[in-house]
C-alpha atoms as a PDB file:
ATOM      1  CA  MET A   1      18.625 -45.820   5.138  1.00  0.00           C
ATOM      2  CA  THR A   2      17.184 -48.006   2.364  1.00  0.00           C
ATOM      3  CA  THR A   3      20.027 -50.489   2.802  1.00  0.00           C
ATOM      4  CA  LEU A   4      19.408 -50.611   6.550  1.00  0.00           C
ATOM      5  CA  ILE A   5      15.706 -51.335   5.998  1.00  0.00           C
ATOM      6  CA  LYS A   6      16.495 -54.160   3.564  1.00  0.00           C
ATOM      7  CA  LEU A   7      18.963 -55.731   5.980  1.00  0.00           C
ATOM      8  CA  GLU A   8      16.496 -55.519   8.859  1.00  0.00           C
ATOM      9  CA  ILE A   9      13.734 -57.166   6.820  1.00  0.00           C
ATOM     10  CA  LEU A  10      15.996 -60.015   5.684  1.00  0.00           C
ATOM     11  CA  ARG A  11      17.207 -60.622   9.229  1.00  0.00           C
ATOM     12  CA  THR A  12      13.639 -60.872  10.480  1.00  0.00           C
ATOM     13  CA  LEU A  13      12.376 -63.174   7.739  1.00  0.00           C
ATOM     14  CA  ARG A  14      15.288 -65.558   8.388  1.00  0.00           C
ATOM     15  CA  ASN A  15      14.436 -65.760  12.083  1.00  0.00           C
ATOM     16  CA  ARG A  16      12.722 -69.069  12.889  1.00  0.00           C
ATOM     17  CA  ARG A  17      11.188 -67.671  16.073  1.00  0.00           C
ATOM     18  CA  TYR A  18       9.535 -64.942  14.010  1.00  0.00           C
ATOM     19  CA  LEU A  19       8.089 -67.529  11.609  1.00  0.00           C
ATOM     20  CA  LEU A  20       6.772 -69.643  14.461  1.00  0.00           C
ATOM     21  CA  PHE A  21       5.373 -67.133  16.942  1.00  0.00           C
ATOM     22  CA  THR A  22       4.152 -64.330  14.681  1.00  0.00           C
ATOM     23  CA  ILE A  23       2.938 -66.328  11.671  1.00  0.00           C
ATOM     24  CA  ALA A  24       2.219 -69.948  12.602  1.00  0.00           C
ATOM     25  CA  TYR A  25       1.003 -69.370  16.176  1.00  0.00           C
ATOM     26  CA  PRO A  26      -1.749 -66.800  15.347  1.00  0.00           C
ATOM     27  CA  ALA A  27      -2.998 -69.061  12.538  1.00  0.00           C
ATOM     28  CA  LEU A  28      -3.236 -72.010  14.931  1.00  0.00           C
ATOM     29  CA  MET A  29      -4.975 -69.856  17.546  1.00  0.00           C
ATOM     30  CA  TYR A  30      -7.507 -68.830  14.905  1.00  0.00           C
ATOM     31  CA  PHE A  31      -8.613 -72.449  14.554  1.00  0.00           C
ATOM     32  CA  PHE A  32      -8.870 -72.746  18.336  1.00  0.00           C
ATOM     33  CA  PHE A  33     -11.122 -69.708  18.724  1.00  0.00           C
ATOM     34  CA  ILE A  34     -13.514 -70.416  15.855  1.00  0.00           C
ATOM     35  CA  ASN A  35     -14.036 -73.937  17.189  1.00  0.00           C
ATOM     36  CA  ALA A  36     -14.398 -72.759  20.788  1.00  0.00           C
ATOM     37  CA  TYR A  37     -16.987 -70.090  19.948  1.00  0.00           C
ATOM     38  CA  GLY A  38     -18.867 -71.924  17.217  1.00  0.00           C
ATOM     39  CA  SER A  39     -18.809 -70.798  13.616  1.00  0.00           C
ATOM     40  CA  THR A  40     -22.451 -69.630  13.480  1.00  0.00           C
ATOM     41  CA  GLN A  41     -22.230 -67.086  16.320  1.00  0.00           C
ATOM     42  CA  LEU A  42     -21.453 -63.380  16.272  1.00  0.00           C
ATOM     43  CA  ALA A  43     -18.576 -61.709  18.127  1.00  0.00           C
ATOM     44  CA  GLY A  44     -18.294 -57.952  18.376  1.00  0.00           C
ATOM     45  CA  GLY A  45     -20.983 -57.564  15.719  1.00  0.00           C
ATOM     46  CA  LEU A  46     -19.059 -59.685  13.223  1.00  0.00           C
ATOM     47  CA  PRO A  47     -19.260 -63.376  12.357  1.00  0.00           C
ATOM     48  CA  VAL A  48     -16.953 -65.333  14.646  1.00  0.00           C
ATOM     49  CA  LYS A  49     -14.707 -66.411  11.774  1.00  0.00           C
ATOM     50  CA  THR A  50     -14.277 -62.813  10.614  1.00  0.00           C
ATOM     51  CA  TYR A  51     -13.803 -61.365  14.104  1.00  0.00           C
ATOM     52  CA  PHE A  52     -11.056 -63.779  15.106  1.00  0.00           C
ATOM     53  CA  MET A  53      -9.434 -63.627  11.683  1.00  0.00           C
ATOM     54  CA  VAL A  54      -8.905 -59.910  12.319  1.00  0.00           C
ATOM     55  CA  SER A  55      -7.954 -60.255  15.991  1.00  0.00           C
ATOM     56  CA  MET A  56      -5.405 -62.990  15.280  1.00  0.00           C
ATOM     57  CA  ALA A  57      -3.972 -60.993  12.372  1.00  0.00           C
ATOM     58  CA  THR A  58      -3.526 -57.987  14.655  1.00  0.00           C
ATOM     59  CA  PHE A  59      -2.133 -60.262  17.383  1.00  0.00           C
ATOM     60  CA  GLY A  60       0.523 -61.541  14.988  1.00  0.00           C
ATOM     61  CA  ALA A  61       1.263 -58.082  13.620  1.00  0.00           C
ATOM     62  CA  VAL A  62       1.704 -56.504  17.060  1.00  0.00           C
ATOM     63  CA  GLY A  63       3.856 -59.439  18.156  1.00  0.00           C
ATOM     64  CA  ALA A  64       6.033 -59.114  15.067  1.00  0.00           C
ATOM     65  CA  VAL A  65       6.888 -55.468  15.676  1.00  0.00           C
ATOM     66  CA  LEU A  66       7.009 -55.421  19.472  1.00  0.00           C
ATOM     67  CA  THR A  67       9.055 -58.517  20.161  1.00  0.00           C
ATOM     68  CA  GLY A  68      11.157 -58.184  17.017  1.00  0.00           C
ATOM     69  CA  GLY A  69      11.830 -54.468  17.172  1.00  0.00           C
ATOM     70  CA  ALA A  70      12.327 -53.962  20.898  1.00  0.00           C
ATOM     71  CA  GLN A  71      14.455 -57.031  21.541  1.00  0.00           C
ATOM     72  CA  ARG A  72      16.637 -56.517  18.494  1.00  0.00           C
ATOM     73  CA  ILE A  73      17.366 -52.907  19.402  1.00  0.00           C
ATOM     74  CA  SER A  74      18.136 -53.877  22.972  1.00  0.00           C
ATOM     75  CA  LEU A  75      20.585 -56.557  21.806  1.00  0.00           C
ATOM     76  CA  GLU A  76      22.201 -54.126  19.368  1.00  0.00           C
ATOM     77  CA  ARG A  77      22.712 -51.651  22.188  1.00  0.00           C
ATOM     78  CA  LYS A  78      24.282 -54.361  24.324  1.00  0.00           C
ATOM     79  CA  SER A  79      26.612 -55.566  21.565  1.00  0.00           C
ATOM     80  CA  GLY A  80      27.727 -52.043  20.665  1.00  0.00           C
ATOM     81  CA  TRP A  81      26.244 -52.129  17.144  1.00  0.00           C
ATOM     82  CA  VAL A  82      24.181 -48.979  17.726  1.00  0.00           C
ATOM     83  CA  ARG A  83      27.311 -47.169  18.894  1.00  0.00           C
ATOM     84  CA  GLN A  84      29.091 -48.239  15.713  1.00  0.00           C
ATOM     85  CA  LEU A  85      26.243 -46.899  13.570  1.00  0.00           C
ATOM     86  CA  ARG A  86      26.549 -43.529  15.260  1.00  0.00           C
ATOM     87  CA  LEU A  87      30.102 -43.298  13.929  1.00  0.00           C
ATOM     88  CA  THR A  88      28.805 -43.566  10.353  1.00  0.00           C
ATOM     89  CA  ALA A  89      27.125 -40.900   8.235  1.00  0.00           C
ATOM     90  CA  LEU A  90      23.682 -42.328   9.069  1.00  0.00           C
ATOM     91  CA  PRO A  91      21.740 -39.663  11.043  1.00  0.00           C
ATOM     92  CA  GLY A  92      19.882 -40.686  14.178  1.00  0.00           C
ATOM     93  CA  ARG A  93      16.513 -39.756  12.686  1.00  0.00           C
ATOM     94  CA  ALA A  94      17.141 -42.015   9.696  1.00  0.00           C
ATOM     95  CA  TYR A  95      18.070 -44.893  11.990  1.00  0.00           C
ATOM     96  CA  THR A  96      14.862 -44.534  14.019  1.00  0.00           C
ATOM     97  CA  VAL A  97      12.637 -44.160  10.949  1.00  0.00           C
ATOM     98  CA  GLY A  98      14.402 -47.077   9.277  1.00  0.00           C
ATOM     99  CA  LYS A  99      13.788 -49.304  12.298  1.00  0.00           C
ATOM    100  CA  ILE A 100      10.087 -48.428  12.389  1.00  0.00           C
ATOM    101  CA  ALA A 101       9.665 -48.972   8.653  1.00  0.00           C
ATOM    102  CA  ALA A 102      11.573 -52.262   8.612  1.00  0.00           C
ATOM    103  CA  THR A 103       9.683 -53.784  11.517  1.00  0.00           C
ATOM    104  CA  ALA A 104       6.326 -52.641  10.106  1.00  0.00           C
ATOM    105  CA  VAL A 105       7.034 -54.298   6.763  1.00  0.00           C
ATOM    106  CA  THR A 106       7.469 -57.643   8.514  1.00  0.00           C
ATOM    107  CA  THR A 107       3.854 -57.521   9.711  1.00  0.00           C
ATOM    108  CA  LEU A 108       2.520 -58.230   6.221  1.00  0.00           C
ATOM    109  CA  PRO A 109       3.243 -61.999   6.301  1.00  0.00           C
ATOM    110  CA  ALA A 110       1.572 -62.269   9.709  1.00  0.00           C
ATOM    111  CA  ILE A 111      -1.552 -60.534   8.380  1.00  0.00           C
ATOM    112  CA  LEU A 112      -1.722 -62.291   5.021  1.00  0.00           C
ATOM    113  CA  VAL A 113      -1.260 -65.824   6.384  1.00  0.00           C
ATOM    114  CA  VAL A 114      -4.137 -65.427   8.861  1.00  0.00           C
ATOM    115  CA  PHE A 115      -6.288 -63.874   6.127  1.00  0.00           C
ATOM    116  CA  ALA A 116      -5.547 -66.847   3.873  1.00  0.00           C
ATOM    117  CA  VAL A 117      -6.574 -69.238   6.647  1.00  0.00           C
ATOM    118  CA  GLY A 118      -9.737 -67.214   7.255  1.00  0.00           C
ATOM    119  CA  ALA A 119     -10.652 -67.315   3.579  1.00  0.00           C
ATOM    120  CA  SER A 120     -10.123 -71.086   3.546  1.00  0.00           C
ATOM    121  CA  GLN A 121     -12.570 -71.370   6.453  1.00  0.00           C
ATOM    122  CA  GLY A 122     -15.304 -69.476   4.636  1.00  0.00           C
ATOM    123  CA  VAL A 123     -14.726 -65.801   5.488  1.00  0.00           C
ATOM    124  CA  SER A 124     -16.372 -63.987   2.590  1.00  0.00           C
ATOM    125  CA  LEU A 125     -15.438 -60.372   1.852  1.00  0.00           C
ATOM    126  CA  THR A 126     -15.474 -58.371  -1.343  1.00  0.00           C
ATOM    127  CA  VAL A 127     -12.188 -57.645  -3.095  1.00  0.00           C
ATOM    128  CA  PRO A 128     -12.233 -53.978  -1.969  1.00  0.00           C
ATOM    129  CA  GLN A 129     -12.891 -55.123   1.612  1.00  0.00           C
ATOM    130  CA  TRP A 130      -9.975 -57.587   1.565  1.00  0.00           C
ATOM    131  CA  ALA A 131      -7.692 -54.910   0.104  1.00  0.00           C
ATOM    132  CA  GLY A 132      -8.927 -52.216   2.486  1.00  0.00           C
ATOM    133  CA  LEU A 133      -8.599 -54.457   5.534  1.00  0.00           C
ATOM    134  CA  THR A 134      -5.068 -55.486   4.585  1.00  0.00           C
ATOM    135  CA  ALA A 135      -4.052 -51.856   4.069  1.00  0.00           C
ATOM    136  CA  ALA A 136      -5.706 -50.719   7.314  1.00  0.00           C
ATOM    137  CA  LEU A 137      -4.042 -53.375   9.443  1.00  0.00           C
ATOM    138  CA  TRP A 138      -0.657 -52.904   7.811  1.00  0.00           C
ATOM    139  CA  LEU A 139      -0.695 -49.116   8.228  1.00  0.00           C
ATOM    140  CA  GLY A 140      -1.946 -49.514  11.784  1.00  0.00           C
ATOM    141  CA  SER A 141       1.047 -51.703  12.609  1.00  0.00           C
ATOM    142  CA  PHE A 142       3.327 -48.662  12.317  1.00  0.00           C
ATOM    143  CA  VAL A 143       1.912 -47.506  15.662  1.00  0.00           C
ATOM    144  CA  PHE A 144       3.257 -50.607  17.398  1.00  0.00           C
ATOM    145  CA  ALA A 145       6.493 -50.511  15.424  1.00  0.00           C
ATOM    146  CA  ALA A 146       7.135 -47.090  16.958  1.00  0.00           C
ATOM    147  CA  LEU A 147       6.246 -48.466  20.401  1.00  0.00           C
ATOM    148  CA  GLY A 148       8.674 -51.343  19.862  1.00  0.00           C
ATOM    149  CA  VAL A 149      11.508 -48.923  19.054  1.00  0.00           C
ATOM    150  CA  ALA A 150      10.670 -46.868  22.149  1.00  0.00           C
ATOM    151  CA  LEU A 151      10.667 -49.935  24.407  1.00  0.00           C
ATOM    152  CA  GLY A 152      13.943 -51.088  22.882  1.00  0.00           C
ATOM    153  CA  TYR A 153      15.620 -47.883  24.064  1.00  0.00           C
ATOM    154  CA  ALA A 154      13.700 -47.551  27.333  1.00  0.00           C
ATOM    155  CA  ALA A 155      14.471 -50.959  28.815  1.00  0.00           C
ATOM    156  CA  ALA A 156      17.773 -52.497  29.802  1.00  0.00           C
ATOM    157  CA  PRO A 157      18.809 -55.428  27.557  1.00  0.00           C
ATOM    158  CA  ASP A 158      18.242 -57.965  30.339  1.00  0.00           C
ATOM    159  CA  ALA A 159      14.763 -56.616  31.157  1.00  0.00           C
ATOM    160  CA  VAL A 160      13.327 -55.855  27.736  1.00  0.00           C
ATOM    161  CA  GLN A 161      11.815 -59.292  27.046  1.00  0.00           C
ATOM    162  CA  PRO A 162       9.530 -59.482  30.123  1.00  0.00           C
ATOM    163  CA  ILE A 163       8.575 -55.819  29.744  1.00  0.00           C
ATOM    164  CA  VAL A 164       7.589 -56.342  26.115  1.00  0.00           C
ATOM    165  CA  MET A 165       5.644 -59.526  26.865  1.00  0.00           C
ATOM    166  CA  ILE A 166       3.717 -57.957  29.754  1.00  0.00           C
ATOM    167  CA  THR A 167       2.890 -54.919  27.622  1.00  0.00           C
ATOM    168  CA  TYR A 168       1.936 -57.101  24.674  1.00  0.00           C
ATOM    169  CA  MET A 169      -0.336 -59.459  26.628  1.00  0.00           C
ATOM    170  CA  ALA A 170      -1.985 -56.708  28.666  1.00  0.00           C
ATOM    171  CA  MET A 171      -2.904 -54.739  25.559  1.00  0.00           C
ATOM    172  CA  ALA A 172      -4.160 -57.901  23.831  1.00  0.00           C
ATOM    173  CA  LEU A 173      -6.226 -58.995  26.841  1.00  0.00           C
ATOM    174  CA  LEU A 174      -7.959 -55.620  27.189  1.00  0.00           C
ATOM    175  CA  GLY A 175      -8.039 -54.874  23.473  1.00  0.00           C
ATOM    176  CA  GLY A 176     -10.512 -57.461  22.216  1.00  0.00           C
ATOM    177  CA  THR A 177      -7.961 -59.952  20.933  1.00  0.00           C
ATOM    178  CA  TRP A 178      -9.177 -62.932  22.958  1.00  0.00           C
ATOM    179  CA  PHE A 179     -12.827 -61.911  23.377  1.00  0.00           C
ATOM    180  CA  PRO A 180     -15.114 -59.022  22.362  1.00  0.00           C
ATOM    181  CA  VAL A 181     -14.875 -56.046  24.725  1.00  0.00           C
ATOM    182  CA  SER A 182     -18.189 -54.570  25.850  1.00  0.00           C
ATOM    183  CA  GLY A 183     -19.890 -52.765  28.736  1.00  0.00           C
ATOM    184  CA  SER A 184     -17.860 -50.780  31.238  1.00  0.00           C
ATOM    185  CA  LEU A 185     -14.629 -52.432  30.106  1.00  0.00           C
ATOM    186  CA  GLU A 186     -15.076 -50.887  26.675  1.00  0.00           C
ATOM    187  CA  LYS A 187     -14.830 -47.374  28.158  1.00  0.00           C
ATOM    188  CA  PHE A 188     -11.284 -48.124  29.293  1.00  0.00           C
ATOM    189  CA  ALA A 189     -10.450 -50.140  26.176  1.00  0.00           C
ATOM    190  CA  ARG A 190     -10.837 -47.016  24.029  1.00  0.00           C
ATOM    191  CA  PHE A 191      -7.532 -45.823  25.479  1.00  0.00           C
ATOM    192  CA  ASN A 192      -5.832 -49.052  24.382  1.00  0.00           C
ATOM    193  CA  PRO A 193      -4.156 -48.904  20.956  1.00  0.00           C
ATOM    194  CA  VAL A 194      -4.806 -52.623  20.340  1.00  0.00           C
ATOM    195  CA  TYR A 195      -8.545 -52.083  20.830  1.00  0.00           C
ATOM    196  CA  LEU A 196      -8.471 -49.210  18.333  1.00  0.00           C
ATOM    197  CA  TYR A 197      -6.424 -51.394  15.990  1.00  0.00           C
ATOM    198  CA  ASN A 198      -9.068 -54.137  16.058  1.00  0.00           C
ATOM    199  CA  GLN A 199     -11.787 -51.551  15.452  1.00  0.00           C
ATOM    200  CA  LEU A 200     -10.338 -50.860  12.006  1.00  0.00           C
ATOM    201  CA  ALA A 201     -12.195 -53.954  10.778  1.00  0.00           C
ATOM    202  CA  GLY A 202     -15.592 -52.438  11.596  1.00  0.00           C
ATOM    203  CA  PHE A 203     -16.167 -51.273   8.027  1.00  0.00           C
ATOM    204  CA  THR A 204     -16.620 -54.898   6.917  1.00  0.00           C
ATOM    205  CA  ARG A 205     -19.963 -54.953   8.757  1.00  0.00           C
ATOM    206  CA  PRO A 206     -22.974 -54.174   6.525  1.00  0.00           C
ATOM    207  CA  GLY A 207     -23.870 -50.488   6.661  1.00  0.00           C
ATOM    208  CA  HIS A 208     -20.664 -49.434   8.434  1.00  0.00           C
ATOM    209  CA  SER A 209     -17.722 -47.374   7.244  1.00  0.00           C
ATOM    210  CA  LEU A 210     -14.149 -46.994   8.460  1.00  0.00           C
ATOM    211  CA  ASP A 211     -14.049 -45.978  12.124  1.00  0.00           C
ATOM    212  CA  THR A 212     -12.505 -42.516  11.908  1.00  0.00           C
ATOM    213  CA  VAL A 213     -12.357 -42.238  15.708  1.00  0.00           C
ATOM    214  CA  ALA A 214     -10.135 -45.327  15.821  1.00  0.00           C
ATOM    215  CA  VAL A 215      -7.990 -43.931  12.998  1.00  0.00           C
ATOM    216  CA  ALA A 216      -7.573 -40.611  14.833  1.00  0.00           C
ATOM    217  CA  GLY A 217      -6.743 -42.404  18.084  1.00  0.00           C
ATOM    218  CA  LEU A 218      -4.104 -44.564  16.413  1.00  0.00           C
ATOM    219  CA  ALA A 219      -2.626 -41.502  14.715  1.00  0.00           C
ATOM    220  CA  GLY A 220      -2.307 -39.867  18.119  1.00  0.00           C
ATOM    221  CA  PHE A 221      -0.604 -42.943  19.562  1.00  0.00           C
ATOM    222  CA  LEU A 222       1.769 -43.016  16.593  1.00  0.00           C
ATOM    223  CA  VAL A 223       2.852 -39.434  17.256  1.00  0.00           C
ATOM    224  CA  VAL A 224       3.367 -40.151  20.964  1.00  0.00           C
ATOM    225  CA  PHE A 225       5.279 -43.399  20.438  1.00  0.00           C
ATOM    226  CA  ALA A 226       7.439 -41.973  17.635  1.00  0.00           C
ATOM    227  CA  ALA A 227       8.285 -38.919  19.739  1.00  0.00           C
ATOM    228  CA  ALA A 228       9.145 -41.192  22.667  1.00  0.00           C
ATOM    229  CA  ALA A 229      11.356 -43.340  20.435  1.00  0.00           C
ATOM    230  CA  ALA A 230      13.223 -40.263  19.180  1.00  0.00           C
ATOM    231  CA  ALA A 231      13.665 -38.857  22.691  1.00  0.00           C
ATOM    232  CA  LEU A 232      14.885 -42.179  24.081  1.00  0.00           C
ATOM    233  CA  TYR A 233      17.299 -42.563  21.165  1.00  0.00           C
ATOM    234  CA  ARG A 234      18.763 -39.135  21.934  1.00  0.00           C
ATOM    235  CA  ARG A 235      19.046 -40.052  25.613  1.00  0.00           C
ATOM    236  CA  ASP A 236      20.844 -43.250  24.703  1.00  0.00           C
ATOM    237  CA  THR A 237      23.196 -41.242  22.488  1.00  0.00           C
ATOM    238  CA  ARG A 238      24.111 -38.891  25.337  1.00  0.00           C
ATOM    239  CA  GLN A 239      24.758 -41.816  27.669  1.00  0.00           C
ATOM    240  CA  ALA A 240      26.940 -43.661  25.140  1.00  0.00           C
END
């Protein structure tokens, strides 16, 4: 399984589309939002530069695991690579876990690049806050890595790309990625894993600690998505 994870990570990091859309694009969008909102305003209780640094980091992280994981699995199913792996000694559980772990690891560059841009624009956090925020967002990305694996097995190879993009954009739109969610919309947003993901940054506000409700919600989504990925993998095995 370790070898599979290493191969998956190397394949992703060599992908130019990954470098462009999950690393460069969120960083460029960060500049757009901080200039559109004005650097002295607040958004979601945080300074604009901090809020959009987090939201663009999560946007890149979710994009890295959803588009990368789901589409790659779908293509592997179409090419027969998954069927070949089933003929090896690699158990199905190890394959699924390896996919989730490999895709989640690739979120780190997306997070760190946006954080570096944010720091260059004046975002000021303590060392423990930088470290805690990086760890929180990276661990949270496992939720979407599991969703990406599930979508990769749920959708037909020709349909997976639009399904992933619609899912991705809908969750981002209603999850506080483009603008702070408040009022009645926030009641529905609490059932959106992207909204909970963005809430992990709340502890950087003075007098606030880590949002344990968001952590519990993401943990629940992780269990559901991982179980769905395992069930869909078994279904795909029976159909093969």
